[in-house]
Every structure is written in C-alpha cells, then in structure tokens.
C-alpha cells in the first residue's frame, strides 16, 4: 500500500509532501487498516478550512480524500502525522 500526504496552508503557507510504501513493513496490516478507515471517512472534495489552518490531500493506493483543520478525525490526524514523520 502506498500512502501519500500533501499538506498545504498554515501561517507560512509552506507545502509539505511525504509518502510511505507499507508493502515491506512489519506493521503493514496496521497501516492498511488505518488507511482504509481514512478513505471511508474522508471527503471527496477539499472542505472549507479556517484561516491559517492546514489542508490535507490524502492518497491511499490511488484513491484521494481531503481533510482540513480543525475538523480532522482521529484516524486522519494519526495517518497524516505518521506519514509526514516517516515518509520521504
């Protein structure tokens, strides 16, 4: 499974991207479950955010959903955090 996150917005407006390929990871099943939950709860179009808030484009195996601060679900927040931390 490939998971890609693109974060835009924020006070400085700096874009950040990261991607994780979970296929060879020992925790691949956990990543898959989290990715599937995010796809199920995500929005098909970018939602309205708040001034200086972050907006997220989350792509899991070619399927893209959108999220924005401050209305991220716990699953979205966890996935975004993990991908931005561990992704290249």
C-alpha atoms as a PDB file:
ATOM      1  CA  UNK A   1       0.000   0.000   0.000  1.00  0.00           C
ATOM      2  CA  UNK A   2       1.261   3.461  -0.905  1.00  0.00           C
ATOM      3  CA  UNK A   3       0.070   6.349   1.222  1.00  0.00           C
ATOM      4  CA  UNK A   4       0.821   9.925   0.214  1.00  0.00           C
ATOM      5  CA  UNK A   5       0.015  13.094   2.149  1.00  0.00           C
ATOM      6  CA  UNK A   6       0.163  16.634   0.822  1.00  0.00           C
ATOM      7  CA  UNK A   7      -0.258  19.388   3.410  1.00  0.00           C
ATOM      8  CA  UNK A   8      -0.854  22.985   2.364  1.00  0.00           C
ATOM      9  CA  UNK A   9      -1.778  26.190   4.130  1.00  0.00           C
ATOM     10  CA  UNK A  10      -0.779  27.158   7.614  1.00  0.00           C
ATOM     11  CA  UNK A  11       0.553  30.517   8.717  1.00  0.00           C
ATOM     12  CA  UNK A  12       3.606  30.412   6.413  1.00  0.00           C
ATOM     13  CA  UNK A  13       1.803  28.682   3.526  1.00  0.00           C
ATOM     14  CA  UNK A  14       4.568  26.115   3.079  1.00  0.00           C
ATOM     15  CA  UNK A  15       3.606  22.915   1.280  1.00  0.00           C
ATOM     16  CA  UNK A  16       4.846  19.609   2.620  1.00  0.00           C
ATOM     17  CA  UNK A  17       4.625  16.179   0.969  1.00  0.00           C
ATOM     18  CA  UNK A  18       5.547  12.711   2.118  1.00  0.00           C
ATOM     19  CA  UNK A  19       4.888   9.143   1.025  1.00  0.00           C
ATOM     20  CA  UNK A  20       5.130   5.756   2.710  1.00  0.00           C
ATOM     21  CA  UNK A  21       5.183   2.366   0.984  1.00  0.00           C
ATOM     22  CA  UNK A  22       3.916  -0.117   3.550  1.00  0.00           C
ATOM     23  CA  UNK A  23       4.396  -3.287   1.468  1.00  0.00           C
ATOM     24  CA  UNK A  24       7.620  -4.381   3.189  1.00  0.00           C
ATOM     25  CA  UNK A  25       6.923  -3.043   6.647  1.00  0.00           C
ATOM     26  CA  UNK A  26       6.267  -5.415   9.549  1.00  0.00           C
ATOM     27  CA  UNK A  27       3.345  -3.193  10.616  1.00  0.00           C
ATOM     28  CA  UNK A  28       1.751  -3.145   7.137  1.00  0.00           C
ATOM     29  CA  UNK A  29      -1.575  -4.514   8.431  1.00  0.00           C
ATOM     30  CA  UNK A  30      -1.902  -1.601  10.883  1.00  0.00           C
ATOM     31  CA  UNK A  31      -1.143   0.922   8.130  1.00  0.00           C
ATOM     32  CA  UNK A  32      -3.689  -0.786   5.829  1.00  0.00           C
ATOM     33  CA  UNK A  33      -6.425  -0.675   8.469  1.00  0.00           C
ATOM     34  CA  UNK A  34      -5.730   2.985   9.209  1.00  0.00           C
ATOM     35  CA  UNK A  35      -5.637   3.882   5.506  1.00  0.00           C
ATOM     36  CA  UNK A  36      -8.943   2.131   4.868  1.00  0.00           C
ATOM     37  CA  UNK A  37     -10.610   3.940   7.784  1.00  0.00           C
ATOM     38  CA  UNK A  38      -9.373   7.288   6.472  1.00  0.00           C
ATOM     39  CA  UNK A  39     -10.675   6.527   2.978  1.00  0.00           C
ATOM     40  CA  UNK A  40     -14.053   5.568   4.429  1.00  0.00           C
ATOM     41  CA  UNK A  41     -14.397   8.775   6.448  1.00  0.00           C
ATOM     42  CA  UNK A  42     -12.658  11.228   4.093  1.00  0.00           C
ATOM     43  CA  UNK A  43     -14.287  13.837   1.906  1.00  0.00           C
ATOM     44  CA  UNK A  44     -14.266  13.529  -1.896  1.00  0.00           C
ATOM     45  CA  UNK A  45     -13.580  17.277  -2.335  1.00  0.00           C
ATOM     46  CA  UNK A  46     -11.494  19.763  -0.363  1.00  0.00           C
ATOM     47  CA  UNK A  47     -13.522  21.061   2.604  1.00  0.00           C
ATOM     48  CA  UNK A  48     -13.533  24.654   3.752  1.00  0.00           C
ATOM     49  CA  UNK A  49     -10.837  25.189   6.328  1.00  0.00           C
ATOM     50  CA  UNK A  50     -10.022  28.004   8.694  1.00  0.00           C
ATOM     51  CA  UNK A  51      -7.640  30.913   8.109  1.00  0.00           C
ATOM     52  CA  UNK A  52      -4.032  29.769   8.595  1.00  0.00           C
ATOM     53  CA  UNK A  53      -5.189  26.175   9.058  1.00  0.00           C
ATOM     54  CA  UNK A  54      -3.738  23.207   7.229  1.00  0.00           C
ATOM     55  CA  UNK A  55      -5.479  21.404   4.381  1.00  0.00           C
ATOM     56  CA  UNK A  56      -4.660  17.798   3.515  1.00  0.00           C
ATOM     57  CA  UNK A  57      -4.807  15.689   0.397  1.00  0.00           C
ATOM     58  CA  UNK A  58      -4.514  12.022   1.421  1.00  0.00           C
ATOM     59  CA  UNK A  59      -3.979   9.399  -1.284  1.00  0.00           C
ATOM     60  CA  UNK A  60      -4.108   5.691  -0.481  1.00  0.00           C
ATOM     61  CA  UNK A  61      -3.355   3.349  -3.395  1.00  0.00           C
ATOM     62  CA  UNK A  62      -4.568   5.906  -5.918  1.00  0.00           C
ATOM     63  CA  UNK A  63      -7.752   6.923  -4.066  1.00  0.00           C
ATOM     64  CA  UNK A  64      -7.727  10.502  -2.765  1.00  0.00           C
ATOM     65  CA  UNK A  65      -9.703  12.114   0.035  1.00  0.00           C
ATOM     66  CA  UNK A  66      -9.427  15.550   1.602  1.00  0.00           C
ATOM     67  CA  UNK A  67      -9.417  16.968   5.116  1.00  0.00           C
ATOM     68  CA  UNK A  68      -8.805  20.316   6.803  1.00  0.00           C
ATOM     69  CA  UNK A  69      -8.053  21.675  10.246  1.00  0.00           C
ATOM     70  CA  UNK A  70      -9.694  21.811  12.702  1.00  0.00           C
ATOM     71  CA  UNK A  71     -12.073  19.035  11.627  1.00  0.00           C
ATOM     72  CA  UNK A  72      -9.688  16.109  11.222  1.00  0.00           C
ATOM     73  CA  UNK A  73     -10.879  12.779  12.554  1.00  0.00           C
ATOM     74  CA  UNK A  74      -8.571  10.959  14.961  1.00  0.00           C
ATOM     75  CA  UNK A  75      -7.717   8.470  12.198  1.00  0.00           C
ATOM     76  CA  UNK A  76      -6.917  11.254   9.733  1.00  0.00           C
ATOM     77  CA  UNK A  77      -4.754  13.021  12.292  1.00  0.00           C
ATOM     78  CA  UNK A  78      -2.866   9.815  13.108  1.00  0.00           C
ATOM     79  CA  UNK A  79      -2.286   8.895   9.456  1.00  0.00           C
ATOM     80  CA  UNK A  80      -1.148  12.389   8.478  1.00  0.00           C
ATOM     81  CA  UNK A  81       1.205  12.562  11.456  1.00  0.00           C
ATOM     82  CA  UNK A  82       2.725   9.131  10.775  1.00  0.00           C
ATOM     83  CA  UNK A  83       3.213   9.720   7.040  1.00  0.00           C
ATOM     84  CA  UNK A  84       4.743  13.172   7.496  1.00  0.00           C
ATOM     85  CA  UNK A  85       7.050  11.797  10.208  1.00  0.00           C
ATOM     86  CA  UNK A  86       8.146   8.563   8.492  1.00  0.00           C
ATOM     87  CA  UNK A  87       7.686   9.355   4.810  1.00  0.00           C
ATOM     88  CA  UNK A  88      10.279  10.584   2.393  1.00  0.00           C
END
